[in-house]
N, C-alpha and C. Protein backbone atom coordinates (compact mmCIF):
# COMPACT_ATOMS: atom_id res chain seq x y z
N MET A 1 21.18 156.91 160.58
CA MET A 1 22.39 157.53 160.10
C MET A 1 22.36 159.00 160.50
N ARG A 2 23.47 159.47 161.02
CA ARG A 2 23.55 160.88 161.40
C ARG A 2 23.65 161.74 160.16
N ALA A 3 22.99 162.86 160.19
CA ALA A 3 23.07 163.81 159.08
C ALA A 3 24.29 164.69 159.27
N ASN A 4 25.04 164.85 158.21
CA ASN A 4 26.24 165.68 158.24
C ASN A 4 26.21 166.61 157.03
N THR A 5 26.86 167.72 157.18
CA THR A 5 26.98 168.66 156.07
C THR A 5 28.45 168.76 155.71
N LEU A 6 28.70 168.63 154.45
CA LEU A 6 30.06 168.72 153.95
C LEU A 6 30.11 169.85 152.95
N LYS A 7 30.95 170.81 153.19
CA LYS A 7 31.04 171.95 152.29
C LYS A 7 32.26 171.79 151.40
N LEU A 8 32.04 171.89 150.10
CA LEU A 8 33.12 171.75 149.13
C LEU A 8 33.21 173.00 148.28
N GLU A 9 34.42 173.33 147.89
CA GLU A 9 34.62 174.49 147.02
C GLU A 9 33.99 174.21 145.66
N GLU A 10 33.58 175.26 145.00
CA GLU A 10 32.95 175.14 143.68
C GLU A 10 33.90 174.49 142.68
N SER A 11 35.17 174.82 142.75
CA SER A 11 36.14 174.24 141.80
C SER A 11 36.24 172.72 141.99
N LEU A 12 36.19 172.27 143.24
CA LEU A 12 36.25 170.84 143.52
C LEU A 12 34.98 170.15 143.03
N LEU A 13 33.84 170.77 143.25
CA LEU A 13 32.57 170.21 142.78
C LEU A 13 32.57 170.06 141.26
N LYS A 14 33.13 171.03 140.56
CA LYS A 14 33.19 170.96 139.10
C LYS A 14 34.03 169.77 138.64
N GLU A 15 35.03 169.42 139.43
CA GLU A 15 35.86 168.26 139.08
C GLU A 15 35.17 166.95 139.44
N ILE A 16 34.35 166.97 140.48
CA ILE A 16 33.70 165.74 140.95
C ILE A 16 32.51 165.35 140.08
N TYR A 17 31.68 166.30 139.70
CA TYR A 17 30.44 165.96 138.99
C TYR A 17 30.66 165.10 137.74
N PRO A 18 31.68 165.34 136.92
CA PRO A 18 31.88 164.44 135.77
C PRO A 18 32.24 163.00 136.16
N LEU A 19 32.71 162.81 137.38
CA LEU A 19 33.11 161.48 137.84
C LEU A 19 31.93 160.66 138.36
N LEU A 20 30.82 161.30 138.63
CA LEU A 20 29.66 160.59 139.17
C LEU A 20 29.08 159.64 138.14
N ALA A 21 28.70 158.46 138.61
CA ALA A 21 28.01 157.51 137.74
C ALA A 21 26.59 158.02 137.51
N PRO A 22 25.97 157.59 136.41
CA PRO A 22 24.59 158.01 136.19
C PRO A 22 23.72 157.65 137.40
N LYS A 23 22.89 158.53 137.79
CA LYS A 23 21.97 158.36 138.93
C LYS A 23 22.68 158.26 140.27
N GLN A 24 23.97 158.61 140.33
CA GLN A 24 24.69 158.57 141.60
C GLN A 24 24.65 159.96 142.22
N SER A 25 24.35 160.00 143.49
CA SER A 25 24.31 161.28 144.19
C SER A 25 25.72 161.66 144.63
N LEU A 26 25.87 162.93 144.94
CA LEU A 26 27.15 163.41 145.45
C LEU A 26 27.47 162.73 146.78
N ALA A 27 26.46 162.58 147.63
CA ALA A 27 26.66 161.92 148.92
C ALA A 27 27.07 160.46 148.72
N GLY A 28 26.45 159.77 147.75
CA GLY A 28 26.82 158.39 147.46
C GLY A 28 28.25 158.28 146.97
N TYR A 29 28.65 159.24 146.15
CA TYR A 29 30.02 159.25 145.63
C TYR A 29 31.02 159.45 146.77
N VAL A 30 30.72 160.41 147.66
CA VAL A 30 31.61 160.69 148.79
C VAL A 30 31.71 159.47 149.70
N ARG A 31 30.58 158.80 149.96
CA ARG A 31 30.61 157.58 150.78
C ARG A 31 31.50 156.53 150.14
N GLU A 32 31.36 156.36 148.82
CA GLU A 32 32.15 155.35 148.10
C GLU A 32 33.64 155.66 148.18
N VAL A 33 33.99 156.92 147.97
CA VAL A 33 35.41 157.31 148.02
C VAL A 33 35.96 157.13 149.43
N LEU A 34 35.19 157.51 150.43
CA LEU A 34 35.65 157.34 151.81
C LEU A 34 35.80 155.88 152.17
N ARG A 35 34.86 155.04 151.74
CA ARG A 35 34.94 153.60 152.01
C ARG A 35 36.21 153.01 151.39
N LYS A 36 36.52 153.42 150.16
CA LYS A 36 37.73 152.91 149.50
C LYS A 36 38.98 153.35 150.25
N GLU A 37 38.99 154.59 150.73
CA GLU A 37 40.14 155.08 151.48
C GLU A 37 40.31 154.32 152.79
N ILE A 38 39.21 154.08 153.47
CA ILE A 38 39.26 153.35 154.74
C ILE A 38 39.74 151.92 154.50
N ASP A 39 39.20 151.26 153.47
CA ASP A 39 39.62 149.90 153.14
C ASP A 39 41.10 149.86 152.80
N SER A 40 41.55 150.84 152.03
CA SER A 40 42.95 150.92 151.65
C SER A 40 43.84 151.09 152.89
N TYR A 41 43.41 151.90 153.82
CA TYR A 41 44.15 152.12 155.06
C TYR A 41 44.30 150.80 155.83
N TYR A 42 43.21 150.06 155.98
CA TYR A 42 43.27 148.80 156.73
C TYR A 42 44.08 147.74 155.99
N ARG A 43 44.01 147.71 154.66
CA ARG A 43 44.84 146.76 153.90
C ARG A 43 46.32 147.08 154.10
N LYS A 44 46.65 148.36 154.09
CA LYS A 44 48.04 148.76 154.28
C LYS A 44 48.53 148.37 155.67
N LYS A 45 47.71 148.60 156.68
CA LYS A 45 48.08 148.23 158.05
C LYS A 45 48.24 146.72 158.18
N SER A 46 47.34 145.97 157.54
CA SER A 46 47.43 144.51 157.58
C SER A 46 48.71 144.03 156.91
N ALA A 47 49.04 144.63 155.78
CA ALA A 47 50.27 144.25 155.08
C ALA A 47 51.50 144.54 155.94
N GLU A 48 51.50 145.66 156.62
CA GLU A 48 52.62 146.00 157.50
C GLU A 48 52.74 144.99 158.64
N ARG A 49 51.62 144.60 159.24
CA ARG A 49 51.65 143.60 160.32
C ARG A 49 52.13 142.25 159.79
N TYR A 50 51.70 141.90 158.57
CA TYR A 50 52.10 140.62 157.98
C TYR A 50 53.60 140.59 157.70
N VAL A 51 54.13 141.67 157.16
CA VAL A 51 55.57 141.75 156.89
C VAL A 51 56.34 141.67 158.21
N SER A 52 55.84 142.34 159.23
CA SER A 52 56.48 142.28 160.54
C SER A 52 56.47 140.85 161.07
N PHE A 53 55.34 140.17 160.93
CA PHE A 53 55.23 138.78 161.36
C PHE A 53 56.24 137.90 160.62
N LEU A 54 56.33 138.09 159.30
CA LEU A 54 57.25 137.27 158.50
C LEU A 54 58.69 137.47 158.90
N THR A 55 59.05 138.67 159.28
CA THR A 55 60.44 138.94 159.62
C THR A 55 60.78 138.57 161.06
N GLN A 56 59.76 138.47 161.93
CA GLN A 56 60.04 138.21 163.34
C GLN A 56 59.83 136.75 163.74
N ASP A 57 58.96 136.03 163.07
CA ASP A 57 58.68 134.64 163.44
C ASP A 57 59.78 133.73 162.89
N LYS A 58 60.48 133.02 163.78
CA LYS A 58 61.63 132.20 163.38
C LYS A 58 61.22 131.05 162.47
N GLU A 59 60.10 130.41 162.76
CA GLU A 59 59.66 129.27 161.95
C GLU A 59 59.32 129.72 160.53
N VAL A 60 58.62 130.83 160.43
CA VAL A 60 58.25 131.35 159.11
C VAL A 60 59.49 131.78 158.36
N LYS A 61 60.43 132.38 159.07
CA LYS A 61 61.68 132.82 158.44
C LYS A 61 62.44 131.63 157.86
N THR A 62 62.48 130.52 158.61
CA THR A 62 63.15 129.31 158.14
C THR A 62 62.47 128.76 156.89
N GLU A 63 61.14 128.71 156.91
CA GLU A 63 60.40 128.23 155.75
C GLU A 63 60.63 129.12 154.54
N GLU A 64 60.68 130.43 154.78
CA GLU A 64 60.92 131.37 153.69
C GLU A 64 62.31 131.14 153.08
N GLU A 65 63.30 130.87 153.93
CA GLU A 65 64.65 130.58 153.44
C GLU A 65 64.66 129.31 152.60
N LEU A 66 63.91 128.29 153.04
CA LEU A 66 63.82 127.05 152.26
C LEU A 66 63.20 127.31 150.90
N TRP A 67 62.13 128.10 150.88
CA TRP A 67 61.48 128.42 149.60
C TRP A 67 62.42 129.21 148.69
N SER A 68 63.17 130.14 149.27
CA SER A 68 64.04 130.97 148.44
C SER A 68 65.19 130.17 147.83
N THR A 69 65.56 129.04 148.47
CA THR A 69 66.65 128.22 147.93
C THR A 69 66.15 127.03 147.12
N SER A 70 64.85 126.87 147.02
CA SER A 70 64.32 125.70 146.30
C SER A 70 64.52 125.84 144.80
N ASP A 71 64.62 124.70 144.14
CA ASP A 71 64.88 124.64 142.70
C ASP A 71 63.55 124.76 141.94
N LEU A 72 63.28 125.95 141.46
CA LEU A 72 62.02 126.18 140.74
C LEU A 72 62.21 126.13 139.22
N ASP A 73 63.46 125.98 138.78
CA ASP A 73 63.74 125.94 137.35
C ASP A 73 63.64 124.55 136.74
N SER A 74 63.76 123.53 137.57
CA SER A 74 63.74 122.17 137.02
C SER A 74 62.31 121.75 136.69
N ASP A 75 62.22 120.66 135.96
CA ASP A 75 60.92 120.14 135.53
C ASP A 75 60.09 119.78 136.75
N PRO A 76 58.87 120.33 136.88
CA PRO A 76 58.06 120.06 138.08
C PRO A 76 57.71 118.59 138.27
N VAL A 77 57.71 117.82 137.19
CA VAL A 77 57.41 116.39 137.30
C VAL A 77 58.50 115.69 138.10
N LEU A 78 59.72 116.16 137.99
CA LEU A 78 60.84 115.53 138.67
C LEU A 78 60.91 115.90 140.15
N ARG A 79 60.34 117.01 140.51
CA ARG A 79 60.32 117.40 141.92
C ARG A 79 59.21 116.66 142.63
N THR A 80 59.43 116.38 143.91
CA THR A 80 58.38 115.70 144.67
C THR A 80 57.93 116.60 145.81
N ASN A 81 56.65 116.63 146.00
CA ASN A 81 56.05 117.40 147.07
C ASN A 81 56.15 116.58 148.35
N PRO A 82 56.72 117.13 149.44
CA PRO A 82 56.87 116.36 150.68
C PRO A 82 55.55 115.83 151.23
N VAL A 83 54.49 116.60 151.12
CA VAL A 83 53.19 116.16 151.61
C VAL A 83 52.68 115.01 150.76
N GLN A 84 52.81 115.15 149.44
CA GLN A 84 52.37 114.09 148.53
C GLN A 84 53.19 112.83 148.74
N ARG A 85 54.50 113.00 148.96
CA ARG A 85 55.38 111.86 149.21
C ARG A 85 54.93 111.11 150.46
N LYS A 86 54.56 111.85 151.51
CA LYS A 86 54.10 111.22 152.75
C LYS A 86 52.79 110.45 152.51
N LYS A 87 51.89 111.05 151.74
CA LYS A 87 50.62 110.38 151.43
C LYS A 87 50.88 109.10 150.64
N ASN A 88 51.79 109.17 149.68
CA ASN A 88 52.12 107.99 148.87
C ASN A 88 52.71 106.89 149.74
N ASN A 89 53.58 107.26 150.68
CA ASN A 89 54.17 106.27 151.58
C ASN A 89 53.10 105.60 152.44
N ILE A 90 52.14 106.37 152.91
CA ILE A 90 51.04 105.82 153.71
C ILE A 90 50.22 104.85 152.86
N ARG A 91 49.93 105.23 151.62
CA ARG A 91 49.16 104.35 150.72
C ARG A 91 49.91 103.04 150.47
N LYS A 92 51.22 103.14 150.28
CA LYS A 92 52.02 101.94 150.05
C LYS A 92 51.96 101.01 151.26
N ARG A 93 52.05 101.59 152.47
CA ARG A 93 51.99 100.78 153.69
C ARG A 93 50.62 100.13 153.84
N ILE A 94 49.57 100.86 153.50
CA ILE A 94 48.21 100.30 153.59
C ILE A 94 48.07 99.13 152.63
N LYS A 95 48.55 99.29 151.38
CA LYS A 95 48.47 98.21 150.40
C LYS A 95 49.27 97.00 150.85
N LYS A 96 50.44 97.25 151.46
CA LYS A 96 51.30 96.18 151.90
C LYS A 96 50.65 95.39 153.02
N ASN A 97 49.95 96.07 153.91
CA ASN A 97 49.31 95.42 155.05
C ASN A 97 47.96 94.80 154.71
N ALA A 98 47.39 95.13 153.56
CA ALA A 98 46.07 94.63 153.19
C ALA A 98 46.12 93.22 152.68
C-alpha cells in the first residue's frame, strides 16, 4: 500500500474524532468513508444505466406496460400466473398420456 499524507484542519479533526469507533484509527475511518463514497458513486451510476436500459429496450418497456396495467387489487388466488399455468398444462398432458 502506498503511503499518503492527508492534512486536515483542526476544526475538522475535532468533528471527526467523536465519530470514530473505539479502537478505530483516523486512517481507518477515512478509508471507510472513502469506500462508502466510492460504492455510492458506482451504485448511482448503475441505477442510471438501469433506468436508461428500461426506457430504451422495447421488450422491457412492453413488459413494464403490462405490469402497470395488471390487476393487483383482486384476490391473488383468483389470478393465475402464466408460468404456473403452463406448468399445470404440461402436467395435465403428462397424466393424460401416462
